[in-house]
Amino acid sequence: MVRRLTRDNAHAIGLHDRGVLAPGYRADINVIDYNGLRLRMPEVVYDLPSGGRRLMQRAEGYVATIVAGQPAWRDGAPICLAAWCAVHSQHLRNGRAAFV
């Protein structure tokens, strides 16, 4: 089941470096507190270029997210590592990370 939700989906859309936890592959890992997992109500946020809006539905219970071996989120907040911020600086506004 896990392979069908990860590697098989990644390969189906041409992302051959995703969906596998192995050296040389890019992987996103979520550490989840299943007892604390909850969806919040959807909300409209205005964080796209030129103040564009989008619908956001946040979740609780995600303890950490690791992207390509680097921590990206911890307890619901982004972790801004210098190298990551340099690459994603166009999404930084008012000292907070805004993700699109």
Protein backbone atom coordinates (compact mmCIF):
# COMPACT_ATOMS: atom_id res chain seq x y z
CA MET A 1 0.00 0.00 0.00
CA VAL A 2 2.75 2.50 0.90
CA ARG A 3 4.56 1.87 -2.40
CA ARG A 4 1.34 2.52 -4.33
CA LEU A 5 0.90 5.87 -2.53
CA THR A 6 4.53 6.96 -2.90
CA ARG A 7 6.85 5.42 -5.51
CA ASP A 8 4.17 4.29 -7.96
CA ASN A 9 2.48 7.71 -7.99
CA ALA A 10 5.80 9.53 -8.34
CA HIS A 11 6.87 7.33 -11.26
CA ALA A 12 3.47 7.69 -12.94
CA ILE A 13 4.01 11.45 -13.27
CA GLY A 14 7.69 11.19 -14.21
CA LEU A 15 9.30 11.97 -10.84
CA HIS A 16 11.77 9.11 -10.84
CA ASP A 17 13.86 10.56 -7.98
CA ARG A 18 10.90 10.53 -5.56
CA GLY A 19 8.89 8.05 -3.56
CA VAL A 20 11.80 5.96 -2.22
CA LEU A 21 13.82 6.29 0.99
CA ALA A 22 17.27 5.51 -0.37
CA PRO A 23 20.58 7.32 -0.98
CA GLY A 24 20.40 9.62 -3.99
CA TYR A 25 16.62 9.95 -3.92
CA ARG A 26 14.68 13.03 -2.89
CA ALA A 27 12.12 12.14 -0.24
CA ASP A 28 9.60 13.96 1.91
CA ILE A 29 9.02 12.37 5.30
CA ASN A 30 6.16 13.37 7.61
CA VAL A 31 6.30 12.48 11.30
CA ILE A 32 2.66 12.29 12.41
CA ASP A 33 1.03 12.18 15.84
CA TYR A 34 -2.03 10.11 14.86
CA ASN A 35 -3.80 10.83 18.16
CA GLY A 36 -3.45 14.56 17.52
CA LEU A 37 -4.27 14.49 13.79
CA ARG A 38 -7.07 16.96 12.99
CA LEU A 39 -8.17 19.11 10.07
CA ARG A 40 -8.90 22.78 10.67
CA MET A 41 -11.64 24.68 8.89
CA PRO A 42 -10.71 25.90 5.39
CA GLU A 43 -9.75 29.57 5.14
CA VAL A 44 -8.90 32.04 2.40
CA VAL A 45 -5.31 33.31 2.51
CA TYR A 46 -3.78 36.08 0.41
CA ASP A 47 -0.16 34.98 0.06
CA LEU A 48 0.23 34.54 -3.68
CA PRO A 49 2.11 37.06 -5.82
CA SER A 50 0.27 40.38 -6.16
CA GLY A 51 -1.97 39.49 -3.22
CA GLY A 52 -3.67 36.61 -5.00
CA ARG A 53 -5.88 34.40 -2.89
CA ARG A 54 -6.12 30.68 -2.38
CA LEU A 55 -7.98 28.26 -0.16
CA MET A 56 -5.92 26.78 2.70
CA GLN A 57 -6.88 23.94 5.02
CA ARG A 58 -4.35 23.46 7.77
CA ALA A 59 -3.90 20.32 9.84
CA GLU A 60 -2.74 19.58 13.37
CA GLY A 61 -0.75 16.53 14.35
CA TYR A 62 2.15 16.84 11.93
CA VAL A 63 5.16 16.80 14.25
CA ALA A 64 7.83 17.32 11.58
CA THR A 65 8.42 17.31 7.83
CA ILE A 66 11.83 16.44 6.40
CA VAL A 67 12.52 17.26 2.73
CA ALA A 68 15.56 15.81 0.97
CA GLY A 69 17.18 15.11 4.35
CA GLN A 70 16.64 18.63 5.72
CA PRO A 71 14.02 19.57 8.34
CA ALA A 72 11.43 21.89 6.80
CA TRP A 73 8.61 22.03 9.37
CA ARG A 74 8.47 21.40 13.12
CA ASP A 75 5.28 21.52 15.23
CA GLY A 76 3.32 23.42 12.57
CA ALA A 77 5.92 26.08 11.83
CA PRO A 78 8.46 26.33 9.01
CA ILE A 79 12.15 25.93 9.79
CA CYS A 80 14.11 28.40 7.73
CA LEU A 81 17.60 27.03 7.11
CA ALA A 82 19.94 29.44 5.33
CA ALA A 83 20.33 27.28 2.20
CA TRP A 84 16.60 26.59 1.99
CA CYS A 85 15.72 30.26 2.46
CA ALA A 86 18.17 31.31 -0.25
CA VAL A 87 16.41 29.05 -2.74
CA HIS A 88 12.88 29.98 -1.61
CA SER A 89 13.41 33.65 -0.79
CA GLN A 90 10.74 34.79 -3.22
CA HIS A 91 8.17 33.18 -0.91
CA LEU A 92 9.38 34.96 2.23
CA ARG A 93 7.25 37.84 3.32
CA ASN A 94 7.39 39.81 6.58
CA GLY A 95 9.93 37.41 8.07
CA ARG A 96 7.59 34.42 7.68
CA ALA A 97 7.64 31.72 5.07
CA ALA A 98 4.65 31.80 2.73
CA PHE A 99 4.26 28.61 0.77
CA VAL A 100 2.53 28.35 -2.59
